[in-house]
C-alpha atoms as a PDB file:
ATOM      1  CA  UNK A   1      -3.212  16.395   4.885  1.00  0.00           C
ATOM      2  CA  UNK A   2      -0.161  15.389   6.196  1.00  0.00           C
ATOM      3  CA  UNK A   3       1.339  11.293   6.442  1.00  0.00           C
ATOM      4  CA  UNK A   4       1.590   9.894   9.726  1.00  0.00           C
ATOM      5  CA  UNK A   5       4.665   9.670  10.707  1.00  0.00           C
ATOM      6  CA  UNK A   6       3.842   6.476  13.483  1.00  0.00           C
ATOM      7  CA  UNK A   7       7.938   4.733  15.185  1.00  0.00           C
ATOM      8  CA  UNK A   8       5.499   2.428  15.216  1.00  0.00           C
ATOM      9  CA  UNK A   9       5.536   0.408  12.729  1.00  0.00           C
ATOM     10  CA  UNK A  10       2.145  -1.058  10.246  1.00  0.00           C
ATOM     11  CA  UNK A  11       0.592  -4.496  12.046  1.00  0.00           C
ATOM     12  CA  UNK A  12       0.759  -7.575   9.057  1.00  0.00           C
ATOM     13  CA  UNK A  13      -3.266  -7.242   8.551  1.00  0.00           C
ATOM     14  CA  UNK A  14      -2.721  -2.705   8.422  1.00  0.00           C
ATOM     15  CA  UNK A  15       0.331  -3.691   5.068  1.00  0.00           C
ATOM     16  CA  UNK A  16      -1.750  -6.619   3.498  1.00  0.00           C
ATOM     17  CA  UNK A  17      -4.617  -4.801   3.321  1.00  0.00           C
ATOM     18  CA  UNK A  18      -2.407  -1.825   1.797  1.00  0.00           C
ATOM     19  CA  UNK A  19      -0.997  -4.446  -0.593  1.00  0.00           C
ATOM     20  CA  UNK A  20      -5.015  -5.183  -2.142  1.00  0.00           C
ATOM     21  CA  UNK A  21      -6.216  -2.041  -1.952  1.00  0.00           C
ATOM     22  CA  UNK A  22      -2.870  -0.656  -4.125  1.00  0.00           C
ATOM     23  CA  UNK A  23      -3.171  -4.346  -6.396  1.00  0.00           C
ATOM     24  CA  UNK A  24      -7.178  -3.335  -6.945  1.00  0.00           C
ATOM     25  CA  UNK A  25      -6.159   0.628  -8.333  1.00  0.00           C
ATOM     26  CA  UNK A  26      -3.864  -0.960 -10.224  1.00  0.00           C
ATOM     27  CA  UNK A  27      -7.006  -3.550 -11.710  1.00  0.00           C
ATOM     28  CA  UNK A  28      -7.910  -0.485 -12.498  1.00  0.00           C
ATOM     29  CA  UNK A  29      -5.599   0.774 -15.232  1.00  0.00           C
ATOM     30  CA  UNK A  30      -5.246   3.712 -12.768  1.00  0.00           C
ATOM     31  CA  UNK A  31      -0.869   4.220 -12.986  1.00  0.00           C
ATOM     32  CA  UNK A  32       1.769   2.790 -10.609  1.00  0.00           C
ATOM     33  CA  UNK A  33       2.544   6.248  -9.483  1.00  0.00           C
ATOM     34  CA  UNK A  34      -0.962   7.271  -9.373  1.00  0.00           C
ATOM     35  CA  UNK A  35      -1.615   4.274  -7.854  1.00  0.00           C
ATOM     36  CA  UNK A  36       0.502   4.559  -5.130  1.00  0.00           C
ATOM     37  CA  UNK A  37      -0.469   8.705  -4.180  1.00  0.00           C
ATOM     38  CA  UNK A  38      -3.815   7.389  -3.324  1.00  0.00           C
ATOM     39  CA  UNK A  39      -2.648   5.226  -0.764  1.00  0.00           C
ATOM     40  CA  UNK A  40      -0.963   7.488   0.257  1.00  0.00           C
ATOM     41  CA  UNK A  41      -3.704   9.614   0.572  1.00  0.00           C
ATOM     42  CA  UNK A  42      -6.087   6.951   1.572  1.00  0.00           C
ATOM     43  CA  UNK A  43      -4.053   5.380   3.938  1.00  0.00           C
ATOM     44  CA  UNK A  44      -2.229   7.974   5.361  1.00  0.00           C
ATOM     45  CA  UNK A  45       1.648   6.581   5.316  1.00  0.00           C
ATOM     46  CA  UNK A  46       4.509   7.994   3.405  1.00  0.00           C
ATOM     47  CA  UNK A  47       5.052   6.460   0.082  1.00  0.00           C
ATOM     48  CA  UNK A  48       7.835   4.862   0.978  1.00  0.00           C
ATOM     49  CA  UNK A  49       5.889   3.289   3.349  1.00  0.00           C
ATOM     50  CA  UNK A  50       3.649   2.180  -0.008  1.00  0.00           C
ATOM     51  CA  UNK A  51       6.856   1.307  -1.586  1.00  0.00           C
ATOM     52  CA  UNK A  52       8.388  -0.747   1.077  1.00  0.00           C
ATOM     53  CA  UNK A  53       4.624  -2.448   1.539  1.00  0.00           C
ATOM     54  CA  UNK A  54       4.659  -3.367  -2.183  1.00  0.00           C
ATOM     55  CA  UNK A  55       8.128  -4.399  -2.362  1.00  0.00           C
ATOM     56  CA  UNK A  56       7.030  -7.021   0.530  1.00  0.00           C
ATOM     57  CA  UNK A  57       3.835  -8.537  -1.416  1.00  0.00           C
ATOM     58  CA  UNK A  58       5.360  -9.498  -3.977  1.00  0.00           C
ATOM     59  CA  UNK A  59       8.525 -10.667  -2.706  1.00  0.00           C
ATOM     60  CA  UNK A  60       5.388 -13.084  -0.686  1.00  0.00           C
ATOM     61  CA  UNK A  61       2.955 -13.212  -2.475  1.00  0.00           C
ATOM     62  CA  UNK A  62       0.775 -12.299  -0.474  1.00  0.00           C
ATOM     63  CA  UNK A  63      -2.690 -13.760  -2.405  1.00  0.00           C
ATOM     64  CA  UNK A  64      -5.090 -11.560  -4.037  1.00  0.00           C
ATOM     65  CA  UNK A  65      -8.646 -11.946  -1.673  1.00  0.00           C
ATOM     66  CA  UNK A  66     -10.949 -15.005  -1.944  1.00  0.00           C
END
């Protein structure tokens, strides 16, 4: 499946959901590169977007879920 090439930016809530899923995958001992690929498939976004979300989440210290 080809990732969406939507010109609209993802909402903050969606970016946080992707970041959370990425962190959870990595917590399950899935390699970083593989976890990124999983997010591309799961959320239908480009890998570059996943990388940007990863950086944004770390920079903003997005907390894990309660």
